[in-house]
Amino acid sequence: ILRSAFPEENSRQIAERLKVTCDK
């Protein structure tokens, strides 16, 4: 879903986006 919303980001950037937006 993130890849379709942010097609300019690579897989590493998508993974980091997922990590830093997690709820602790």
PDB file of all heavy atoms in Angstrom:
ATOM      1  N   ILE A   1       0.840  -1.203   0.000  1.00  0.00           N
ATOM      2  CA  ILE A   1       0.000   0.000   0.000  1.00  0.00           C
ATOM      3  C   ILE A   1       0.875   1.253   0.000  1.00  0.00           C
ATOM      4  O   ILE A   1       0.623   2.211  -0.737  1.00  0.00           O
ATOM      5  CB  ILE A   1      -0.970  -0.014   1.193  1.00  0.00           C
ATOM      6  CG1 ILE A   1      -2.000  -1.127   1.008  1.00  0.00           C
ATOM      7  CG2 ILE A   1      -1.642   1.344   1.380  1.00  0.00           C
ATOM      8  CD1 ILE A   1      -2.842  -1.416   2.240  1.00  0.00           C
ATOM      9  N   LEU A   2       1.918   1.249   0.822  1.00  0.00           N
ATOM     10  CA  LEU A   2       2.825   2.400   0.874  1.00  0.00           C
ATOM     11  C   LEU A   2       3.556   2.586  -0.444  1.00  0.00           C
ATOM     12  O   LEU A   2       3.775   3.709  -0.887  1.00  0.00           O
ATOM     13  CB  LEU A   2       3.829   2.237   2.017  1.00  0.00           C
ATOM     14  CG  LEU A   2       3.264   2.414   3.420  1.00  0.00           C
ATOM     15  CD1 LEU A   2       4.313   2.068   4.466  1.00  0.00           C
ATOM     16  CD2 LEU A   2       2.756   3.827   3.629  1.00  0.00           C
ATOM     17  N   ARG A   3       3.927   1.492  -1.071  1.00  0.00           N
ATOM     18  CA  ARG A   3       4.629   1.579  -2.355  1.00  0.00           C
ATOM     19  C   ARG A   3       3.743   2.216  -3.417  1.00  0.00           C
ATOM     20  O   ARG A   3       4.205   3.001  -4.241  1.00  0.00           O
ATOM     21  CB  ARG A   3       5.064   0.179  -2.791  1.00  0.00           C
ATOM     22  CG  ARG A   3       5.829   0.148  -4.059  1.00  0.00           C
ATOM     23  CD  ARG A   3       7.220   0.697  -3.876  1.00  0.00           C
ATOM     24  NE  ARG A   3       7.954   0.399  -5.098  1.00  0.00           N
ATOM     25  CZ  ARG A   3       8.921   1.133  -5.551  1.00  0.00           C
ATOM     26  NH1 ARG A   3       9.317   2.186  -4.888  1.00  0.00           N
ATOM     27  NH2 ARG A   3       9.526   0.822  -6.658  1.00  0.00           N
ATOM     28  N   SER A   4       2.451   1.906  -3.384  1.00  0.00           N
ATOM     29  CA  SER A   4       1.550   2.520  -4.360  1.00  0.00           C
ATOM     30  C   SER A   4       1.284   3.989  -4.026  1.00  0.00           C
ATOM     31  O   SER A   4       1.065   4.795  -4.912  1.00  0.00           O
ATOM     32  CB  SER A   4       0.247   1.733  -4.465  1.00  0.00           C
ATOM     33  OG  SER A   4      -0.499   1.845  -3.278  1.00  0.00           O
ATOM     34  N   ALA A   5       1.320   4.331  -2.738  1.00  0.00           N
ATOM     35  CA  ALA A   5       1.098   5.721  -2.336  1.00  0.00           C
ATOM     36  C   ALA A   5       2.345   6.585  -2.536  1.00  0.00           C
ATOM     37  O   ALA A   5       2.240   7.787  -2.775  1.00  0.00           O
ATOM     38  CB  ALA A   5       0.666   5.772  -0.866  1.00  0.00           C
ATOM     39  N   PHE A   6       3.524   5.971  -2.437  1.00  0.00           N
ATOM     40  CA  PHE A   6       4.798   6.690  -2.575  1.00  0.00           C
ATOM     41  C   PHE A   6       5.685   5.954  -3.586  1.00  0.00           C
ATOM     42  O   PHE A   6       6.689   5.348  -3.222  1.00  0.00           O
ATOM     43  CB  PHE A   6       5.516   6.787  -1.216  1.00  0.00           C
ATOM     44  CG  PHE A   6       4.709   7.455  -0.149  1.00  0.00           C
ATOM     45  CD1 PHE A   6       4.023   6.709   0.801  1.00  0.00           C
ATOM     46  CD2 PHE A   6       4.620   8.836  -0.093  1.00  0.00           C
ATOM     47  CE1 PHE A   6       3.275   7.317   1.785  1.00  0.00           C
ATOM     48  CE2 PHE A   6       3.877   9.464   0.885  1.00  0.00           C
ATOM     49  CZ  PHE A   6       3.187   8.707   1.822  1.00  0.00           C
ATOM     50  N   PRO A   7       5.337   6.003  -4.869  1.00  0.00           N
ATOM     51  CA  PRO A   7       6.084   5.239  -5.883  1.00  0.00           C
ATOM     52  C   PRO A   7       7.525   5.705  -6.053  1.00  0.00           C
ATOM     53  O   PRO A   7       8.349   4.957  -6.562  1.00  0.00           O
ATOM     54  CB  PRO A   7       5.278   5.450  -7.161  1.00  0.00           C
ATOM     55  CG  PRO A   7       4.494   6.685  -6.928  1.00  0.00           C
ATOM     56  CD  PRO A   7       4.237   6.763  -5.448  1.00  0.00           C
ATOM     57  N   GLU A   8       7.841   6.907  -5.605  1.00  0.00           N
ATOM     58  CA  GLU A   8       9.211   7.416  -5.744  1.00  0.00           C
ATOM     59  C   GLU A   8      10.154   6.866  -4.677  1.00  0.00           C
ATOM     60  O   GLU A   8      11.360   7.005  -4.784  1.00  0.00           O
ATOM     61  CB  GLU A   8       9.207   8.958  -5.694  1.00  0.00           C
ATOM     62  CG  GLU A   8       8.902   9.556  -4.326  1.00  0.00           C
ATOM     63  CD  GLU A   8       7.421   9.548  -3.943  1.00  0.00           C
ATOM     64  OE1 GLU A   8       6.573   9.155  -4.748  1.00  0.00           O
ATOM     65  OE2 GLU A   8       7.128   9.933  -2.802  1.00  0.00           O
ATOM     66  N   GLU A   9       9.615   6.215  -3.637  1.00  0.00           N
ATOM     67  CA  GLU A   9      10.453   5.671  -2.573  1.00  0.00           C
ATOM     68  C   GLU A   9      10.873   4.239  -2.898  1.00  0.00           C
ATOM     69  O   GLU A   9      10.101   3.465  -3.446  1.00  0.00           O
ATOM     70  CB  GLU A   9       9.714   5.712  -1.231  1.00  0.00           C
ATOM     71  CG  GLU A   9       9.494   7.125  -0.735  1.00  0.00           C
ATOM     72  CD  GLU A   9       8.924   7.178   0.674  1.00  0.00           C
ATOM     73  OE1 GLU A   9       8.737   6.125   1.304  1.00  0.00           O
ATOM     74  OE2 GLU A   9       8.666   8.302   1.143  1.00  0.00           O
ATOM     75  N   ASN A  10      12.116   3.907  -2.531  1.00  0.00           N
ATOM     76  CA  ASN A  10      12.594   2.547  -2.761  1.00  0.00           C
ATOM     77  C   ASN A  10      12.213   1.649  -1.581  1.00  0.00           C
ATOM     78  O   ASN A  10      11.623   2.113  -0.600  1.00  0.00           O
ATOM     79  CB  ASN A  10      14.109   2.528  -3.033  1.00  0.00           C
ATOM     80  CG  ASN A  10      14.920   3.031  -1.861  1.00  0.00           C
ATOM     81  OD1 ASN A  10      14.592   2.802  -0.696  1.00  0.00           O
ATOM     82  ND2 ASN A  10      16.022   3.722  -2.157  1.00  0.00           N
ATOM     83  N   SER A  11      12.548   0.381  -1.666  1.00  0.00           N
ATOM     84  CA  SER A  11      12.120  -0.575  -0.642  1.00  0.00           C
ATOM     85  C   SER A  11      12.702  -0.253   0.730  1.00  0.00           C
ATOM     86  O   SER A  11      12.035  -0.430   1.755  1.00  0.00           O
ATOM     87  CB  SER A  11      12.489  -1.996  -1.054  1.00  0.00           C
ATOM     88  OG  SER A  11      13.881  -2.113  -1.229  1.00  0.00           O
ATOM     89  N   ARG A  12      13.924   0.217   0.788  1.00  0.00           N
ATOM     90  CA  ARG A  12      14.532   0.581   2.071  1.00  0.00           C
ATOM     91  C   ARG A  12      13.794   1.766   2.704  1.00  0.00           C
ATOM     92  O   ARG A  12      13.561   1.789   3.904  1.00  0.00           O
ATOM     93  CB  ARG A  12      16.008   0.910   1.880  1.00  0.00           C
ATOM     94  CG  ARG A  12      16.705   1.227   3.193  1.00  0.00           C
ATOM     95  CD  ARG A  12      18.179   1.379   3.030  1.00  0.00           C
ATOM     96  NE  ARG A  12      18.749   0.055   2.882  1.00  0.00           N
ATOM     97  CZ  ARG A  12      19.960  -0.182   2.446  1.00  0.00           C
ATOM     98  NH1 ARG A  12      20.737   0.813   2.078  1.00  0.00           N
ATOM     99  NH2 ARG A  12      20.417  -1.410   2.344  1.00  0.00           N
ATOM    100  N   GLN A  13      13.411   2.732   1.891  1.00  0.00           N
ATOM    101  CA  GLN A  13      12.676   3.886   2.403  1.00  0.00           C
ATOM    102  C   GLN A  13      11.288   3.481   2.893  1.00  0.00           C
ATOM    103  O   GLN A  13      10.819   3.980   3.913  1.00  0.00           O
ATOM    104  CB  GLN A  13      12.572   4.965   1.319  1.00  0.00           C
ATOM    105  CG  GLN A  13      13.894   5.616   1.010  1.00  0.00           C
ATOM    106  CD  GLN A  13      13.828   6.494  -0.228  1.00  0.00           C
ATOM    107  OE1 GLN A  13      13.300   6.090  -1.266  1.00  0.00           O
ATOM    108  NE2 GLN A  13      14.366   7.698  -0.116  1.00  0.00           N
ATOM    109  N   ILE A  14      10.642   2.575   2.200  1.00  0.00           N
ATOM    110  CA  ILE A  14       9.328   2.081   2.631  1.00  0.00           C
ATOM    111  C   ILE A  14       9.468   1.354   3.962  1.00  0.00           C
ATOM    112  O   ILE A  14       8.662   1.555   4.882  1.00  0.00           O
ATOM    113  CB  ILE A  14       8.707   1.156   1.553  1.00  0.00           C
ATOM    114  CG1 ILE A  14       8.402   1.924   0.268  1.00  0.00           C
ATOM    115  CG2 ILE A  14       7.472   0.442   2.078  1.00  0.00           C
ATOM    116  CD1 ILE A  14       7.310   2.965   0.373  1.00  0.00           C
ATOM    117  N   ALA A  15      10.486   0.519   4.091  1.00  0.00           N
ATOM    118  CA  ALA A  15      10.712  -0.209   5.346  1.00  0.00           C
ATOM    119  C   ALA A  15      10.960   0.764   6.500  1.00  0.00           C
ATOM    120  O   ALA A  15      10.419   0.585   7.601  1.00  0.00           O
ATOM    121  CB  ALA A  15      11.882  -1.174   5.193  1.00  0.00           C
ATOM    122  N   GLU A  16      11.758   1.793   6.268  1.00  0.00           N
ATOM    123  CA  GLU A  16      12.028   2.779   7.326  1.00  0.00           C
ATOM    124  C   GLU A  16      10.765   3.553   7.682  1.00  0.00           C
ATOM    125  O   GLU A  16      10.521   3.858   8.839  1.00  0.00           O
ATOM    126  CB  GLU A  16      13.138   3.738   6.903  1.00  0.00           C
ATOM    127  CG  GLU A  16      14.511   3.130   6.951  1.00  0.00           C
ATOM    128  CD  GLU A  16      14.883   2.598   8.323  1.00  0.00           C
ATOM    129  OE1 GLU A  16      14.701   3.321   9.324  1.00  0.00           O
ATOM    130  OE2 GLU A  16      15.346   1.455   8.406  1.00  0.00           O
ATOM    131  N   ARG A  17       9.959   3.869   6.667  1.00  0.00           N
ATOM    132  CA  ARG A  17       8.692   4.571   6.923  1.00  0.00           C
ATOM    133  C   ARG A  17       7.813   3.720   7.835  1.00  0.00           C
ATOM    134  O   ARG A  17       7.207   4.214   8.780  1.00  0.00           O
ATOM    135  CB  ARG A  17       7.979   4.875   5.608  1.00  0.00           C
ATOM    136  CG  ARG A  17       6.656   5.603   5.766  1.00  0.00           C
ATOM    137  CD  ARG A  17       6.008   5.852   4.418  1.00  0.00           C
ATOM    138  NE  ARG A  17       6.655   6.904   3.683  1.00  0.00           N
ATOM    139  CZ  ARG A  17       6.361   8.203   3.824  1.00  0.00           C
ATOM    140  NH1 ARG A  17       5.440   8.587   4.681  1.00  0.00           N
ATOM    141  NH2 ARG A  17       6.980   9.105   3.111  1.00  0.00           N
ATOM    142  N   LEU A  18       7.755   2.425   7.570  1.00  0.00           N
ATOM    143  CA  LEU A  18       6.972   1.531   8.425  1.00  0.00           C
ATOM    144  C   LEU A  18       7.525   1.498   9.850  1.00  0.00           C
ATOM    145  O   LEU A  18       6.774   1.541  10.822  1.00  0.00           O
ATOM    146  CB  LEU A  18       6.963   0.111   7.846  1.00  0.00           C
ATOM    147  CG  LEU A  18       5.966  -0.152   6.726  1.00  0.00           C
ATOM    148  CD1 LEU A  18       6.224  -1.514   6.108  1.00  0.00           C
ATOM    149  CD2 LEU A  18       4.541  -0.057   7.238  1.00  0.00           C
ATOM    150  N   LYS A  19       8.839   1.429   9.982  1.00  0.00           N
ATOM    151  CA  LYS A  19       9.461   1.341  11.310  1.00  0.00           C
ATOM    152  C   LYS A  19       9.233   2.590  12.147  1.00  0.00           C
ATOM    153  O   LYS A  19       8.878   2.500  13.316  1.00  0.00           O
ATOM    154  CB  LYS A  19      10.962   1.099  11.181  1.00  0.00           C
ATOM    155  CG  LYS A  19      11.330  -0.284  10.759  1.00  0.00           C
ATOM    156  CD  LYS A  19      12.845  -0.396  10.680  1.00  0.00           C
ATOM    157  CE  LYS A  19      13.285  -1.696  10.076  1.00  0.00           C
ATOM    158  NZ  LYS A  19      14.750  -1.766   9.954  1.00  0.00           N
ATOM    159  N   VAL A  20       9.483   3.755  11.555  1.00  0.00           N
ATOM    160  CA  VAL A  20       9.436   4.983  12.354  1.00  0.00           C
ATOM    161  C   VAL A  20       8.009   5.450  12.660  1.00  0.00           C
ATOM    162  O   VAL A  20       7.822   6.312  13.504  1.00  0.00           O
ATOM    163  CB  VAL A  20      10.255   6.134  11.722  1.00  0.00           C
ATOM    164  CG1 VAL A  20      11.709   5.760  11.600  1.00  0.00           C
ATOM    165  CG2 VAL A  20       9.696   6.558  10.383  1.00  0.00           C
ATOM    166  N   THR A  21       7.011   4.886  11.984  1.00  0.00           N
ATOM    167  CA  THR A  21       5.629   5.279  12.268  1.00  0.00           C
ATOM    168  C   THR A  21       4.899   4.246  13.123  1.00  0.00           C
ATOM    169  O   THR A  21       3.698   4.383  13.349  1.00  0.00           O
ATOM    170  CB  THR A  21       4.846   5.529  10.964  1.00  0.00           C
ATOM    171  OG1 THR A  21       4.882   4.356  10.150  1.00  0.00           O
ATOM    172  CG2 THR A  21       5.409   6.726  10.208  1.00  0.00           C
ATOM    173  N   CYS A  22       5.608   3.234  13.589  1.00  0.00           N
ATOM    174  CA  CYS A  22       4.978   2.236  14.461  1.00  0.00           C
ATOM    175  C   CYS A  22       4.559   2.859  15.788  1.00  0.00           C
ATOM    176  O   CYS A  22       5.190   3.794  16.274  1.00  0.00           O
ATOM    177  CB  CYS A  22       5.958   1.099  14.749  1.00  0.00           C
ATOM    178  SG  CYS A  22       6.089  -0.089  13.440  1.00  0.00           S
ATOM    179  N   ASP A  23       3.502   2.318  16.377  1.00  0.00           N
ATOM    180  CA  ASP A  23       3.090   2.705  17.721  1.00  0.00           C
ATOM    181  C   ASP A  23       3.921   1.906  18.709  1.00  0.00           C
ATOM    182  O   ASP A  23       3.969   0.673  18.629  1.00  0.00           O
ATOM    183  CB  ASP A  23       1.603   2.393  17.947  1.00  0.00           C
ATOM    184  CG  ASP A  23       0.699   3.215  17.054  1.00  0.00           C
ATOM    185  OD1 ASP A  23       1.074   4.356  16.714  1.00  0.00           O
ATOM    186  OD2 ASP A  23      -0.376   2.711  16.696  1.00  0.00           O
ATOM    187  N   LYS A  24       4.585   2.584  19.619  1.00  0.00           N
ATOM    188  CA  LYS A  24       5.404   1.901  20.618  1.00  0.00           C
ATOM    189  C   LYS A  24       4.499   1.158  21.586  1.00  0.00           C
ATOM    190  O   LYS A  24       3.559   1.724  22.127  1.00  0.00           O
ATOM    191  CB  LYS A  24       6.287   2.889  21.374  1.00  0.00           C
ATOM    192  CG  LYS A  24       7.210   3.692  20.479  1.00  0.00           C
ATOM    193  CD  LYS A  24       8.141   2.807  19.694  1.00  0.00           C
ATOM    194  CE  LYS A  24       9.035   3.602  18.769  1.00  0.00           C
ATOM    195  NZ  LYS A  24       9.535   2.853  17.665  1.00  0.00           N
TER     196      LYS A  24
END
